[in-house]
Structures are given as C-alpha cells and as structure tokens.
Amino acid sequence: MPEPSDLDRSSVRRQFERRAQHPDPADFLLREVEHRMVERLDLIRLQPQRVLDVGCGSGAGTQVLAQRWPAAEVLGIDLAQSRIASARAAVKSNQAGPGGWVQSLVRRLGATPSAPEPRTVRFAVADAHRLPLADASVDLVWSNLVLHWFDDVPAAIAEWYRVIRPDGLLMFTALGVDTLIELRRAGARLPTLPDMHDIGDALLAAGFAEPVMDTERLTITWADPVRMLADVRALGGDASRLRPRGLSTPRQREALLQALAKRDMPISLSFELIHGHAWCATAKRRNDGFIPVSMHPRRSSRGGA
C-alpha cells in the first residue's frame, strides 16, 4: 500500500489556483500523456454513458473525451476553482465557432472533428477524495497526471471504486518515483512520488479487478536551464506539510543552476510515467466489504424442469 503522504491539500489547491491565472508552459506534457492514454483507449471496447475526468485542469482533456463520445455525459472536476472557471470559459469559446483549440486536439488524437457537438459537458469544483457523485453512477473514470497530488491515495482510489458502475473502466496516469531524478541529485526539493506497485496494491484493496500497471520513461530536453526550471515549476512545486515556510532564495536558485550547469548541455530530465487501468467486476463489492452472490435453482439431470 502507498506510504502515508506528507502533502498538504490546501497547499496543492493554492498552487494550482495561482497557476490557472497564467498560460501553462508545461501543458505540453499533459497533452502528450493524454495522447498516449487515448491511444491505449483505442484497444478497449467501451461506450460509456457517463464519464468522469478527475483533476481536469483547464478542461482540454475533458472536451476531447466529450468529442470521442458525443452521446455521453462528461463531467470534469478539479480542486482549484480558478481552473474550473478557465475550463468553463474554454467550453464557451470552443462552442462559439469551428477551428478552436479543442478541435485541433481532436484532430491530433485521431478523432473526427466533424462529430456532433457533445450532449453534455459539465465542470465542478470538487475534492477527489470526496466525489460529489452517487454510488455506481459512472462508466469511465479518467485521470491524467493527478494521482501523485493526492495526499490520501487509498481514499481517492476507494472513491473511484465507489462511483464506478459494474463493468466500468478506470484509466489513469501518474508520475512515478524516478521522475526528475536528475534534479534530486542536484539538490532540488521535490515532493515524494508514488510507486507503481503500491498503487496496484491500493487498486486491489479497493475492489478493482485485474489491475494492469506499467511504466514508461519520457526524456525531455531543454537548451536553457532557466526555461527548464520554469517549466518544472509549472508542473507543481513543493506542497508538503514539512516544507520550509520561506520562499526559495535567489542564492538557492543560483546554486541549483550552477549544479545543473556542470552537466553537459542541453539538459535532459527523466519522467517516469505510470499507466494504470482496471475494471470494476460485474459483481461489485458492497460498502460493507461483501460481494453479493446470486443463487439459482439447479436444473434436473433427468430432463425435467
């Protein structure tokens, strides 16, 4: 099971509230991982009626899911109110005319840009640890690079299981323990990231059937270390409870840049990408931990009823 997290939920919220007010220079990573998730989704037969995007951010991925299944109701949730406001504004902007940024994403991901307008796309401010949804109300739970921001991973996964319907699908990604290992070695303070095996254990403990976990390593290269630090900062800073309360000083930042300058240029950073998907069994475990069992009369072997 995952180790207890030292993340502070209110700090996580504040960080992403601030970032929503500015263009996200690190959005390229979210979109690249989203592309890879959609490619994997192509191998699965699924026609969901209701889709939940946990940690939807600015809503780009939510709208791609809505374009993929235009008859489905798609709900995006995020902890940061300013991000939800941006997502709602983006929906209005995209619906104002063709050729918007979501349409370009849809083309890149291989969907049909001329598909009917989504029936329902909604956004809500919500905590992933306490989802505002009824039990067994969602066919697909989707989450892109969010799980490593949960301060209680087992509780969040238990919520995913609670809201998913029997035979429903969970698909998610997260950053793993070897992410940005080069910066750790250079002395940077970085949050603790989850281990793939611990997440798999949490999925089984919650009740998901046959979880499939694997990792891949992405390597991203920057020519400018200053730009690299800005992009990494946009991915999220230190939100731990034990973090130093003061801001990083210019001297600390300069020391990190000098440590990076000793490396060969350009600078490459590693991202351990955890992929996971799991199904909810047809016989779903109840909240009390028991699984309902159906009893059927045995047919007679003598030809009778």
C-alpha atoms as a PDB file:
ATOM      1  CA  MET A   1       0.000   0.000   0.000  1.00  0.00           C
ATOM      2  CA  PRO A   2       1.160   3.605  -0.573  1.00  0.00           C
ATOM      3  CA  GLU A   3       3.084   5.189   2.270  1.00  0.00           C
ATOM      4  CA  PRO A   4       1.274   7.997   4.143  1.00  0.00           C
ATOM      5  CA  SER A   5       1.703  11.198   2.151  1.00  0.00           C
ATOM      6  CA  ASP A   6       3.200  14.404   3.508  1.00  0.00           C
ATOM      7  CA  LEU A   7       1.250  16.527   1.019  1.00  0.00           C
ATOM      8  CA  ASP A   8      -0.881  19.374   2.309  1.00  0.00           C
ATOM      9  CA  ARG A   9      -4.173  19.504   0.390  1.00  0.00           C
ATOM     10  CA  SER A  10      -4.728  23.228   0.922  1.00  0.00           C
ATOM     11  CA  SER A  11      -1.225  23.934  -0.444  1.00  0.00           C
ATOM     12  CA  VAL A  12      -1.932  21.807  -3.503  1.00  0.00           C
ATOM     13  CA  ARG A  13      -5.096  23.825  -4.107  1.00  0.00           C
ATOM     14  CA  ARG A  14      -3.292  27.168  -3.714  1.00  0.00           C
ATOM     15  CA  GLN A  15      -0.545  26.197  -6.122  1.00  0.00           C
ATOM     16  CA  PHE A  16      -2.953  25.321  -8.901  1.00  0.00           C
ATOM     17  CA  GLU A  17      -5.206  28.312  -8.179  1.00  0.00           C
ATOM     18  CA  ARG A  18      -2.225  30.584  -8.865  1.00  0.00           C
ATOM     19  CA  ARG A  19      -1.142  28.739 -11.992  1.00  0.00           C
ATOM     20  CA  ALA A  20      -4.600  28.912 -13.561  1.00  0.00           C
ATOM     21  CA  GLN A  21      -4.199  32.672 -13.985  1.00  0.00           C
ATOM     22  CA  HIS A  22      -1.329  32.294 -16.454  1.00  0.00           C
ATOM     23  CA  PRO A  23      -0.657  30.217 -19.580  1.00  0.00           C
ATOM     24  CA  ASP A  24       0.783  26.873 -18.528  1.00  0.00           C
ATOM     25  CA  PRO A  25       4.245  26.413 -20.081  1.00  0.00           C
ATOM     26  CA  ALA A  26       4.232  22.748 -19.063  1.00  0.00           C
ATOM     27  CA  ASP A  27       0.925  21.913 -20.746  1.00  0.00           C
ATOM     28  CA  PHE A  28       2.822  20.076 -23.477  1.00  0.00           C
ATOM     29  CA  LEU A  29       3.493  17.213 -21.041  1.00  0.00           C
ATOM     30  CA  LEU A  30      -0.189  16.825 -20.101  1.00  0.00           C
ATOM     31  CA  ARG A  31      -1.215  16.786 -23.749  1.00  0.00           C
ATOM     32  CA  GLU A  32       1.485  14.270 -24.712  1.00  0.00           C
ATOM     33  CA  VAL A  33       0.460  11.885 -21.926  1.00  0.00           C
ATOM     34  CA  GLU A  34      -3.200  12.409 -22.845  1.00  0.00           C
ATOM     35  CA  HIS A  35      -2.348  11.385 -26.405  1.00  0.00           C
ATOM     36  CA  ARG A  36      -0.775   8.171 -25.141  1.00  0.00           C
ATOM     37  CA  MET A  37      -3.782   7.430 -22.922  1.00  0.00           C
ATOM     38  CA  VAL A  38      -6.177   7.846 -25.844  1.00  0.00           C
ATOM     39  CA  GLU A  39      -4.066   5.504 -27.964  1.00  0.00           C
ATOM     40  CA  ARG A  40      -4.441   2.833 -25.280  1.00  0.00           C
ATOM     41  CA  LEU A  41      -8.157   3.523 -25.080  1.00  0.00           C
ATOM     42  CA  ASP A  42      -8.426   2.588 -28.763  1.00  0.00           C
ATOM     43  CA  LEU A  43      -7.733  -1.037 -27.777  1.00  0.00           C
ATOM     44  CA  ILE A  44     -10.733  -1.178 -25.428  1.00  0.00           C
ATOM     45  CA  ARG A  45     -14.377  -1.553 -26.440  1.00  0.00           C
ATOM     46  CA  LEU A  46     -16.328   0.917 -24.381  1.00  0.00           C
ATOM     47  CA  GLN A  47     -19.396   3.070 -24.979  1.00  0.00           C
ATOM     48  CA  PRO A  48     -19.854   4.941 -21.702  1.00  0.00           C
ATOM     49  CA  GLN A  49     -22.981   6.886 -20.859  1.00  0.00           C
ATOM     50  CA  ARG A  50     -21.231   8.896 -18.152  1.00  0.00           C
ATOM     51  CA  VAL A  51     -17.529   9.837 -17.962  1.00  0.00           C
ATOM     52  CA  LEU A  52     -15.691  11.408 -15.021  1.00  0.00           C
ATOM     53  CA  ASP A  53     -12.427  13.327 -15.582  1.00  0.00           C
ATOM     54  CA  VAL A  54     -10.715  13.621 -12.174  1.00  0.00           C
ATOM     55  CA  GLY A  55      -8.368  16.599 -11.984  1.00  0.00           C
ATOM     56  CA  CYS A  56      -9.487  18.078 -15.294  1.00  0.00           C
ATOM     57  CA  GLY A  57      -7.481  21.317 -15.008  1.00  0.00           C
ATOM     58  CA  SER A  58      -8.314  23.674 -17.869  1.00  0.00           C
ATOM     59  CA  GLY A  59     -10.672  21.087 -19.379  1.00  0.00           C
ATOM     60  CA  ALA A  60      -8.794  20.284 -22.596  1.00  0.00           C
ATOM     61  CA  GLY A  61      -8.825  16.543 -21.940  1.00  0.00           C
ATOM     62  CA  THR A  62     -12.446  16.644 -20.781  1.00  0.00           C
ATOM     63  CA  GLN A  63     -13.517  18.100 -24.104  1.00  0.00           C
ATOM     64  CA  VAL A  64     -11.512  15.516 -26.050  1.00  0.00           C
ATOM     65  CA  LEU A  65     -13.385  12.782 -24.159  1.00  0.00           C
ATOM     66  CA  ALA A  66     -16.675  14.525 -24.929  1.00  0.00           C
ATOM     67  CA  GLN A  67     -15.830  14.652 -28.625  1.00  0.00           C
ATOM     68  CA  ARG A  68     -14.931  10.971 -28.571  1.00  0.00           C
ATOM     69  CA  TRP A  69     -18.303  10.023 -27.046  1.00  0.00           C
ATOM     70  CA  PRO A  70     -20.723  12.811 -28.051  1.00  0.00           C
ATOM     71  CA  ALA A  71     -23.732  10.960 -26.635  1.00  0.00           C
ATOM     72  CA  ALA A  72     -22.168  10.645 -23.195  1.00  0.00           C
ATOM     73  CA  GLU A  73     -22.437  12.986 -20.235  1.00  0.00           C
ATOM     74  CA  VAL A  74     -18.903  14.106 -19.355  1.00  0.00           C
ATOM     75  CA  LEU A  75     -18.052  15.704 -16.018  1.00  0.00           C
ATOM     76  CA  GLY A  76     -14.704  17.296 -15.209  1.00  0.00           C
ATOM     77  CA  ILE A  77     -13.769  18.029 -11.608  1.00  0.00           C
ATOM     78  CA  ASP A  78     -10.822  19.886 -10.126  1.00  0.00           C
ATOM     79  CA  LEU A  79      -9.793  21.105  -6.684  1.00  0.00           C
ATOM     80  CA  ALA A  80      -8.941  24.610  -7.954  1.00  0.00           C
ATOM     81  CA  GLN A  81     -11.873  26.935  -8.599  1.00  0.00           C
ATOM     82  CA  SER A  82      -9.899  29.155 -10.988  1.00  0.00           C
ATOM     83  CA  ARG A  83      -9.095  26.143 -13.153  1.00  0.00           C
ATOM     84  CA  ILE A  84     -12.741  25.178 -13.340  1.00  0.00           C
ATOM     85  CA  ALA A  85     -13.570  28.769 -14.329  1.00  0.00           C
ATOM     86  CA  SER A  86     -10.980  28.511 -17.126  1.00  0.00           C
ATOM     87  CA  ALA A  87     -12.455  25.182 -18.260  1.00  0.00           C
ATOM     88  CA  ARG A  88     -15.964  26.630 -18.454  1.00  0.00           C
ATOM     89  CA  ALA A  89     -14.704  29.651 -20.389  1.00  0.00           C
ATOM     90  CA  ALA A  90     -12.852  27.358 -22.804  1.00  0.00           C
ATOM     91  CA  VAL A  91     -16.038  25.391 -23.491  1.00  0.00           C
ATOM     92  CA  LYS A  92     -17.894  28.597 -24.352  1.00  0.00           C
ATOM     93  CA  SER A  93     -15.033  29.752 -26.564  1.00  0.00           C
ATOM     94  CA  ASN A  94     -14.883  26.448 -28.403  1.00  0.00           C
ATOM     95  CA  GLN A  95     -18.631  26.367 -28.950  1.00  0.00           C
ATOM     96  CA  ALA A  96     -18.527  29.886 -30.392  1.00  0.00           C
ATOM     97  CA  GLY A  97     -17.102  28.663 -33.667  1.00  0.00           C
ATOM     98  CA  PRO A  98     -15.181  25.934 -35.505  1.00  0.00           C
ATOM     99  CA  GLY A  99     -11.430  25.612 -35.601  1.00  0.00           C
ATOM    100  CA  GLY A 100     -10.817  26.156 -31.883  1.00  0.00           C
ATOM    101  CA  TRP A 101      -8.017  24.653 -29.834  1.00  0.00           C
ATOM    102  CA  VAL A 102     -10.075  21.619 -28.839  1.00  0.00           C
ATOM    103  CA  GLN A 103     -10.757  20.880 -32.491  1.00  0.00           C
ATOM    104  CA  SER A 104      -7.007  20.846 -33.169  1.00  0.00           C
ATOM    105  CA  LEU A 105      -6.508  18.468 -30.239  1.00  0.00           C
ATOM    106  CA  VAL A 106      -9.239  16.209 -31.576  1.00  0.00           C
ATOM    107  CA  ARG A 107      -7.526  16.081 -34.974  1.00  0.00           C
ATOM    108  CA  ARG A 108      -4.188  15.291 -33.379  1.00  0.00           C
ATOM    109  CA  LEU A 109      -5.692  12.451 -31.347  1.00  0.00           C
ATOM    110  CA  GLY A 110      -7.298  10.897 -34.391  1.00  0.00           C
ATOM    111  CA  ALA A 111     -10.944  11.626 -33.599  1.00  0.00           C
ATOM    112  CA  THR A 112     -13.439  13.070 -36.063  1.00  0.00           C
ATOM    113  CA  PRO A 113     -13.577  16.889 -35.895  1.00  0.00           C
ATOM    114  CA  SER A 114     -16.979  16.925 -37.566  1.00  0.00           C
ATOM    115  CA  ALA A 115     -18.554  14.748 -34.850  1.00  0.00           C
ATOM    116  CA  PRO A 116     -21.786  16.056 -33.317  1.00  0.00           C
ATOM    117  CA  GLU A 117     -21.476  18.562 -30.517  1.00  0.00           C
ATOM    118  CA  PRO A 118     -21.234  16.834 -27.119  1.00  0.00           C
ATOM    119  CA  ARG A 119     -24.591  16.372 -25.449  1.00  0.00           C
ATOM    120  CA  THR A 120     -23.388  17.412 -22.010  1.00  0.00           C
ATOM    121  CA  VAL A 121     -20.021  18.712 -20.775  1.00  0.00           C
ATOM    122  CA  ARG A 122     -20.026  19.996 -17.209  1.00  0.00           C
ATOM    123  CA  PHE A 123     -17.398  21.086 -14.726  1.00  0.00           C
ATOM    124  CA  ALA A 124     -17.448  21.263 -10.940  1.00  0.00           C
ATOM    125  CA  VAL A 125     -15.110  22.204  -8.120  1.00  0.00           C
ATOM    126  CA  ALA A 126     -14.685  19.034  -6.064  1.00  0.00           C
ATOM    127  CA  ASP A 127     -12.220  17.134  -3.928  1.00  0.00           C
ATOM    128  CA  ALA A 128     -11.163  13.832  -5.488  1.00  0.00           C
ATOM    129  CA  HIS A 129     -11.118  12.297  -2.003  1.00  0.00           C
ATOM    130  CA  ARG A 130     -14.864  13.052  -1.620  1.00  0.00           C
ATOM    131  CA  LEU A 131     -16.534  12.900  -5.009  1.00  0.00           C
ATOM    132  CA  PRO A 132     -19.967  14.594  -5.265  1.00  0.00           C
ATOM    133  CA  LEU A 133     -21.473  11.641  -7.129  1.00  0.00           C
ATOM    134  CA  ALA A 134     -23.817   8.792  -6.296  1.00  0.00           C
ATOM    135  CA  ASP A 135     -22.606   5.228  -5.892  1.00  0.00           C
ATOM    136  CA  ALA A 136     -22.201   3.295  -9.161  1.00  0.00           C
ATOM    137  CA  SER A 137     -23.003   6.302 -11.360  1.00  0.00           C
ATOM    138  CA  VAL A 138     -20.031   6.459 -13.777  1.00  0.00           C
ATOM    139  CA  ASP A 139     -18.961   4.151 -16.611  1.00  0.00           C
ATOM    140  CA  LEU A 140     -15.441   5.538 -17.098  1.00  0.00           C
ATOM    141  CA  VAL A 141     -13.213   7.190 -14.502  1.00  0.00           C
ATOM    142  CA  TRP A 142     -10.349   9.002 -16.239  1.00  0.00           C
ATOM    143  CA  SER A 143      -7.461  10.863 -14.591  1.00  0.00           C
ATOM    144  CA  ASN A 144      -4.369  12.293 -16.289  1.00  0.00           C
ATOM    145  CA  LEU A 145      -1.266  13.030 -14.152  1.00  0.00           C
ATOM    146  CA  VAL A 146      -3.205  13.817 -10.971  1.00  0.00           C
ATOM    147  CA  LEU A 147      -2.877  10.835  -8.615  1.00  0.00           C
ATOM    148  CA  HIS A 148       0.569  11.913  -7.363  1.00  0.00           C
ATOM    149  CA  TRP A 149      -1.098  15.065  -5.956  1.00  0.00           C
ATOM    150  CA  PHE A 150      -3.432  13.051  -3.683  1.00  0.00           C
ATOM    151  CA  ASP A 151      -2.479  13.185  -0.012  1.00  0.00           C
ATOM    152  CA  ASP A 152      -4.514  10.007   0.645  1.00  0.00           C
ATOM    153  CA  VAL A 153      -4.182   7.756  -2.412  1.00  0.00           C
ATOM    154  CA  PRO A 154      -6.132   4.770  -0.959  1.00  0.00           C
ATOM    155  CA  ALA A 155      -9.064   7.060  -0.051  1.00  0.00           C
ATOM    156  CA  ALA A 156      -9.143   8.594  -3.546  1.00  0.00           C
ATOM    157  CA  ILE A 157      -8.994   5.168  -5.215  1.00  0.00           C
ATOM    158  CA  ALA A 158     -11.776   3.970  -2.907  1.00  0.00           C
ATOM    159  CA  GLU A 159     -13.870   6.900  -4.164  1.00  0.00           C
ATOM    160  CA  TRP A 160     -13.157   5.898  -7.758  1.00  0.00           C
ATOM    161  CA  TYR A 161     -14.422   2.428  -6.922  1.00  0.00           C
ATOM    162  CA  ARG A 162     -17.491   3.747  -5.112  1.00  0.00           C
ATOM    163  CA  VAL A 163     -18.724   5.831  -8.063  1.00  0.00           C
ATOM    164  CA  ILE A 164     -17.873   3.394 -10.858  1.00  0.00           C
ATOM    165  CA  ARG A 165     -20.562   1.088 -12.206  1.00  0.00           C
ATOM    166  CA  PRO A 166     -20.200  -2.688 -12.521  1.00  0.00           C
ATOM    167  CA  ASP A 167     -18.190  -3.455 -15.698  1.00  0.00           C
ATOM    168  CA  GLY A 168     -16.952   0.150 -15.701  1.00  0.00           C
ATOM    169  CA  LEU A 169     -13.360   1.120 -16.544  1.00  0.00           C
ATOM    170  CA  LEU A 170     -10.760   3.111 -14.634  1.00  0.00           C
ATOM    171  CA  MET A 171      -7.865   4.603 -16.622  1.00  0.00           C
ATOM    172  CA  PHE A 172      -5.223   6.912 -15.166  1.00  0.00           C
ATOM    173  CA  THR A 173      -1.616   8.092 -15.281  1.00  0.00           C
ATOM    174  CA  ALA A 174       0.707   9.422 -12.603  1.00  0.00           C
ATOM    175  CA  LEU A 175       4.320  10.482 -12.199  1.00  0.00           C
ATOM    176  CA  GLY A 176       6.439   7.826 -10.503  1.00  0.00           C
ATOM    177  CA  VAL A 177       9.349   7.799  -8.073  1.00  0.00           C
ATOM    178  CA  ASP A 178      12.126   8.237 -10.660  1.00  0.00           C
ATOM    179  CA  THR A 179      10.647  11.441 -12.093  1.00  0.00           C
ATOM    180  CA  LEU A 180      13.135  14.346 -12.181  1.00  0.00           C
ATOM    181  CA  ILE A 181      15.812  12.199 -10.570  1.00  0.00           C
ATOM    182  CA  GLU A 182      18.445  14.484 -12.119  1.00  0.00           C
ATOM    183  CA  LEU A 183      17.084  17.458 -10.172  1.00  0.00           C
ATOM    184  CA  ARG A 184      17.013  15.462  -6.931  1.00  0.00           C
ATOM    185  CA  ARG A 185      20.667  14.596  -7.396  1.00  0.00           C
ATOM    186  CA  ALA A 186      21.397  18.293  -7.941  1.00  0.00           C
ATOM    187  CA  GLY A 187      19.834  19.123  -4.560  1.00  0.00           C
ATOM    188  CA  ALA A 188      16.360  20.319  -5.591  1.00  0.00           C
ATOM    189  CA  ARG A 189      13.484  19.894  -3.107  1.00  0.00           C
ATOM    190  CA  LEU A 190      10.825  17.769  -4.784  1.00  0.00           C
ATOM    191  CA  PRO A 191       7.659  16.076  -3.481  1.00  0.00           C
ATOM    192  CA  THR A 192       7.561  12.360  -2.766  1.00  0.00           C
ATOM    193  CA  LEU A 193       6.047  10.474  -5.702  1.00  0.00           C
ATOM    194  CA  PRO A 194       4.176   7.145  -5.669  1.00  0.00           C
ATOM    195  CA  ASP A 195       5.489   3.698  -6.523  1.00  0.00           C
ATOM    196  CA  MET A 196       3.690   1.702  -9.231  1.00  0.00           C
ATOM    197  CA  HIS A 197       3.422  -1.450  -7.099  1.00  0.00           C
ATOM    198  CA  ASP A 198       1.876   0.445  -4.185  1.00  0.00           C
ATOM    199  CA  ILE A 199      -0.795   1.882  -6.485  1.00  0.00           C
ATOM    200  CA  GLY A 200      -1.575  -1.605  -7.789  1.00  0.00           C
ATOM    201  CA  ASP A 201      -1.998  -2.851  -4.217  1.00  0.00           C
ATOM    202  CA  ALA A 202      -4.375   0.047  -3.464  1.00  0.00           C
ATOM    203  CA  LEU A 203      -6.487  -0.795  -6.528  1.00  0.00           C
ATOM    204  CA  LEU A 204      -6.867  -4.408  -5.398  1.00  0.00           C
ATOM    205  CA  ALA A 205      -7.660  -3.350  -1.837  1.00  0.00           C
ATOM    206  CA  ALA A 206     -10.388  -1.011  -3.103  1.00  0.00           C
ATOM    207  CA  GLY A 207     -12.040  -3.842  -5.061  1.00  0.00           C
ATOM    208  CA  PHE A 208     -10.908  -3.284  -8.672  1.00  0.00           C
ATOM    209  CA  ALA A 209     -10.463  -6.416 -10.750  1.00  0.00           C
ATOM    210  CA  GLU A 210      -7.296  -7.349 -12.657  1.00  0.00           C
ATOM    211  CA  PRO A 211      -5.467  -4.002 -12.483  1.00  0.00           C
ATOM    212  CA  VAL A 212      -2.829  -3.593 -15.181  1.00  0.00           C
ATOM    213  CA  MET A 213       0.122  -1.374 -14.286  1.00  0.00           C
ATOM    214  CA  ASP A 214       3.177  -0.471 -16.343  1.00  0.00           C
ATOM    215  CA  THR A 215       5.662   2.360 -16.673  1.00  0.00           C
ATOM    216  CA  GLU A 216       7.473   4.157 -19.427  1.00  0.00           C
ATOM    217  CA  ARG A 217      10.216   6.752 -19.206  1.00  0.00           C
ATOM    218  CA  LEU A 218       9.952  10.046 -21.034  1.00  0.00           C
ATOM    219  CA  THR A 219      13.052  12.162 -21.543  1.00  0.00           C
ATOM    220  CA  ILE A 220      12.595  15.869 -22.202  1.00  0.00           C
ATOM    221  CA  THR A 221      15.491  18.117 -23.167  1.00  0.00           C
ATOM    222  CA  TRP A 222      15.979  21.844 -22.621  1.00  0.00           C
ATOM    223  CA  ALA A 223      18.683  24.077 -24.087  1.00  0.00           C
ATOM    224  CA  ASP A 224      18.092  26.746 -21.439  1.00  0.00           C
ATOM    225  CA  PRO A 225      18.255  25.716 -17.736  1.00  0.00           C
ATOM    226  CA  VAL A 226      16.283  28.808 -16.682  1.00  0.00           C
ATOM    227  CA  ARG A 227      13.415  27.864 -19.011  1.00  0.00           C
ATOM    228  CA  MET A 228      13.670  24.283 -17.785  1.00  0.00           C
ATOM    229  CA  LEU A 229      13.209  25.347 -14.153  1.00  0.00           C
ATOM    230  CA  ALA A 230      10.206  27.496 -15.150  1.00  0.00           C
ATOM    231  CA  ASP A 231       8.566  24.547 -16.905  1.00  0.00           C
ATOM    232  CA  VAL A 232       9.228  22.196 -13.993  1.00  0.00           C
ATOM    233  CA  ARG A 233       7.827  24.764 -11.569  1.00  0.00           C
ATOM    234  CA  ALA A 234       4.661  24.929 -13.689  1.00  0.00           C
ATOM    235  CA  LEU A 235       4.175  21.192 -13.113  1.00  0.00           C
ATOM    236  CA  GLY A 236       3.806  21.891  -9.395  1.00  0.00           C
ATOM    237  CA  GLY A 237       6.008  22.931  -6.530  1.00  0.00           C
ATOM    238  CA  ASP A 238       6.617  21.640  -3.033  1.00  0.00           C
ATOM    239  CA  ALA A 239       3.254  21.194  -1.292  1.00  0.00           C
ATOM    240  CA  SER A 240       4.454  19.068   1.629  1.00  0.00           C
ATOM    241  CA  ARG A 241       3.478  19.852   5.201  1.00  0.00           C
ATOM    242  CA  LEU A 242       7.137  19.919   6.255  1.00  0.00           C
ATOM    243  CA  ARG A 243       8.346  22.230   3.513  1.00  0.00           C
ATOM    244  CA  PRO A 244      10.304  25.344   4.530  1.00  0.00           C
ATOM    245  CA  ARG A 245       7.848  28.184   5.037  1.00  0.00           C
ATOM    246  CA  GLY A 246      10.011  30.781   3.333  1.00  0.00           C
ATOM    247  CA  LEU A 247      10.350  31.182  -0.399  1.00  0.00           C
ATOM    248  CA  SER A 248      13.416  29.806  -2.141  1.00  0.00           C
ATOM    249  CA  THR A 249      16.060  32.499  -2.137  1.00  0.00           C
ATOM    250  CA  PRO A 250      17.881  33.745  -5.252  1.00  0.00           C
ATOM    251  CA  ARG A 251      21.041  32.206  -3.783  1.00  0.00           C
ATOM    252  CA  GLN A 252      19.418  28.776  -3.568  1.00  0.00           C
ATOM    253  CA  ARG A 253      18.129  29.079  -7.121  1.00  0.00           C
ATOM    254  CA  GLU A 254      21.561  30.153  -8.367  1.00  0.00           C
ATOM    255  CA  ALA A 255      23.199  27.221  -6.576  1.00  0.00           C
ATOM    256  CA  LEU A 256      20.816  24.825  -8.334  1.00  0.00           C
ATOM    257  CA  LEU A 257      21.514  26.434 -11.712  1.00  0.00           C
ATOM    258  CA  GLN A 258      25.254  26.149 -11.112  1.00  0.00           C
ATOM    259  CA  ALA A 259      24.875  22.479 -10.227  1.00  0.00           C
ATOM    260  CA  LEU A 260      22.935  21.933 -13.440  1.00  0.00           C
ATOM    261  CA  ALA A 261      25.498  23.911 -15.451  1.00  0.00           C
ATOM    262  CA  LYS A 262      28.122  21.283 -14.559  1.00  0.00           C
ATOM    263  CA  ARG A 263      26.150  18.803 -16.630  1.00  0.00           C
ATOM    264  CA  ASP A 264      26.509  18.553 -20.372  1.00  0.00           C
ATOM    265  CA  MET A 265      24.208  20.882 -22.284  1.00  0.00           C
ATOM    266  CA  PRO A 266      21.458  20.621 -23.337  1.00  0.00           C
ATOM    267  CA  ILE A 267      19.867  19.355 -20.091  1.00  0.00           C
ATOM    268  CA  SER A 268      17.677  16.247 -20.165  1.00  0.00           C
ATOM    269  CA  LEU A 269      15.215  15.325 -17.415  1.00  0.00           C
ATOM    270  CA  SER A 270      13.508  11.980 -16.847  1.00  0.00           C
ATOM    271  CA  PHE A 271       9.798  11.480 -16.216  1.00  0.00           C
ATOM    272  CA  GLU A 272       8.645   8.070 -15.007  1.00  0.00           C
ATOM    273  CA  LEU A 273       5.125   7.745 -16.366  1.00  0.00           C
ATOM    274  CA  ILE A 274       2.858   5.243 -14.593  1.00  0.00           C
ATOM    275  CA  HIS A 275      -0.037   3.884 -16.645  1.00  0.00           C
ATOM    276  CA  GLY A 276      -2.862   2.057 -14.939  1.00  0.00           C
ATOM    277  CA  HIS A 277      -6.241   0.652 -15.846  1.00  0.00           C
ATOM    278  CA  ALA A 278      -8.644  -1.655 -14.075  1.00  0.00           C
ATOM    279  CA  TRP A 279     -12.202  -2.880 -14.405  1.00  0.00           C
ATOM    280  CA  CYS A 280     -14.984  -2.968 -11.890  1.00  0.00           C
ATOM    281  CA  ALA A 281     -16.266  -6.535 -11.692  1.00  0.00           C
ATOM    282  CA  THR A 282     -19.865  -7.344 -12.641  1.00  0.00           C
ATOM    283  CA  ALA A 283     -20.477  -8.412  -9.031  1.00  0.00           C
ATOM    284  CA  LYS A 284     -19.339  -5.231  -7.312  1.00  0.00           C
ATOM    285  CA  ARG A 285     -18.204  -5.317  -3.708  1.00  0.00           C
ATOM    286  CA  ARG A 286     -20.587  -3.507  -1.379  1.00  0.00           C
ATOM    287  CA  ASN A 287     -19.607  -0.715   1.020  1.00  0.00           C
ATOM    288  CA  ASP A 288     -19.535  -3.235   3.876  1.00  0.00           C
ATOM    289  CA  GLY A 289     -16.899  -5.260   2.026  1.00  0.00           C
ATOM    290  CA  PHE A 290     -19.139  -8.162   0.972  1.00  0.00           C
ATOM    291  CA  ILE A 291     -19.849  -9.208  -2.634  1.00  0.00           C
ATOM    292  CA  PRO A 292     -23.463 -10.169  -3.442  1.00  0.00           C
ATOM    293  CA  VAL A 293     -23.905 -13.787  -4.552  1.00  0.00           C
ATOM    294  CA  SER A 294     -26.865 -14.836  -6.706  1.00  0.00           C
ATOM    295  CA  MET A 295     -28.338 -18.289  -6.109  1.00  0.00           C
ATOM    296  CA  HIS A 296     -30.067 -20.130  -8.968  1.00  0.00           C
ATOM    297  CA  PRO A 297     -32.029 -23.409  -8.732  1.00  0.00           C
ATOM    298  CA  ARG A 298     -30.103 -26.399 -10.054  1.00  0.00           C
ATOM    299  CA  ARG A 299     -31.645 -27.917 -13.190  1.00  0.00           C
ATOM    300  CA  SER A 300     -32.629 -31.574 -13.027  1.00  0.00           C
ATOM    301  CA  SER A 301     -30.395 -34.032 -14.920  1.00  0.00           C
ATOM    302  CA  ARG A 302     -33.448 -36.236 -15.778  1.00  0.00           C
ATOM    303  CA  GLY A 303     -34.827 -33.921 -18.391  1.00  0.00           C
ATOM    304  CA  GLY A 304     -37.313 -32.277 -16.093  1.00  0.00           C
ATOM    305  CA  ALA A 305     -37.536 -28.587 -15.324  1.00  0.00           C
END
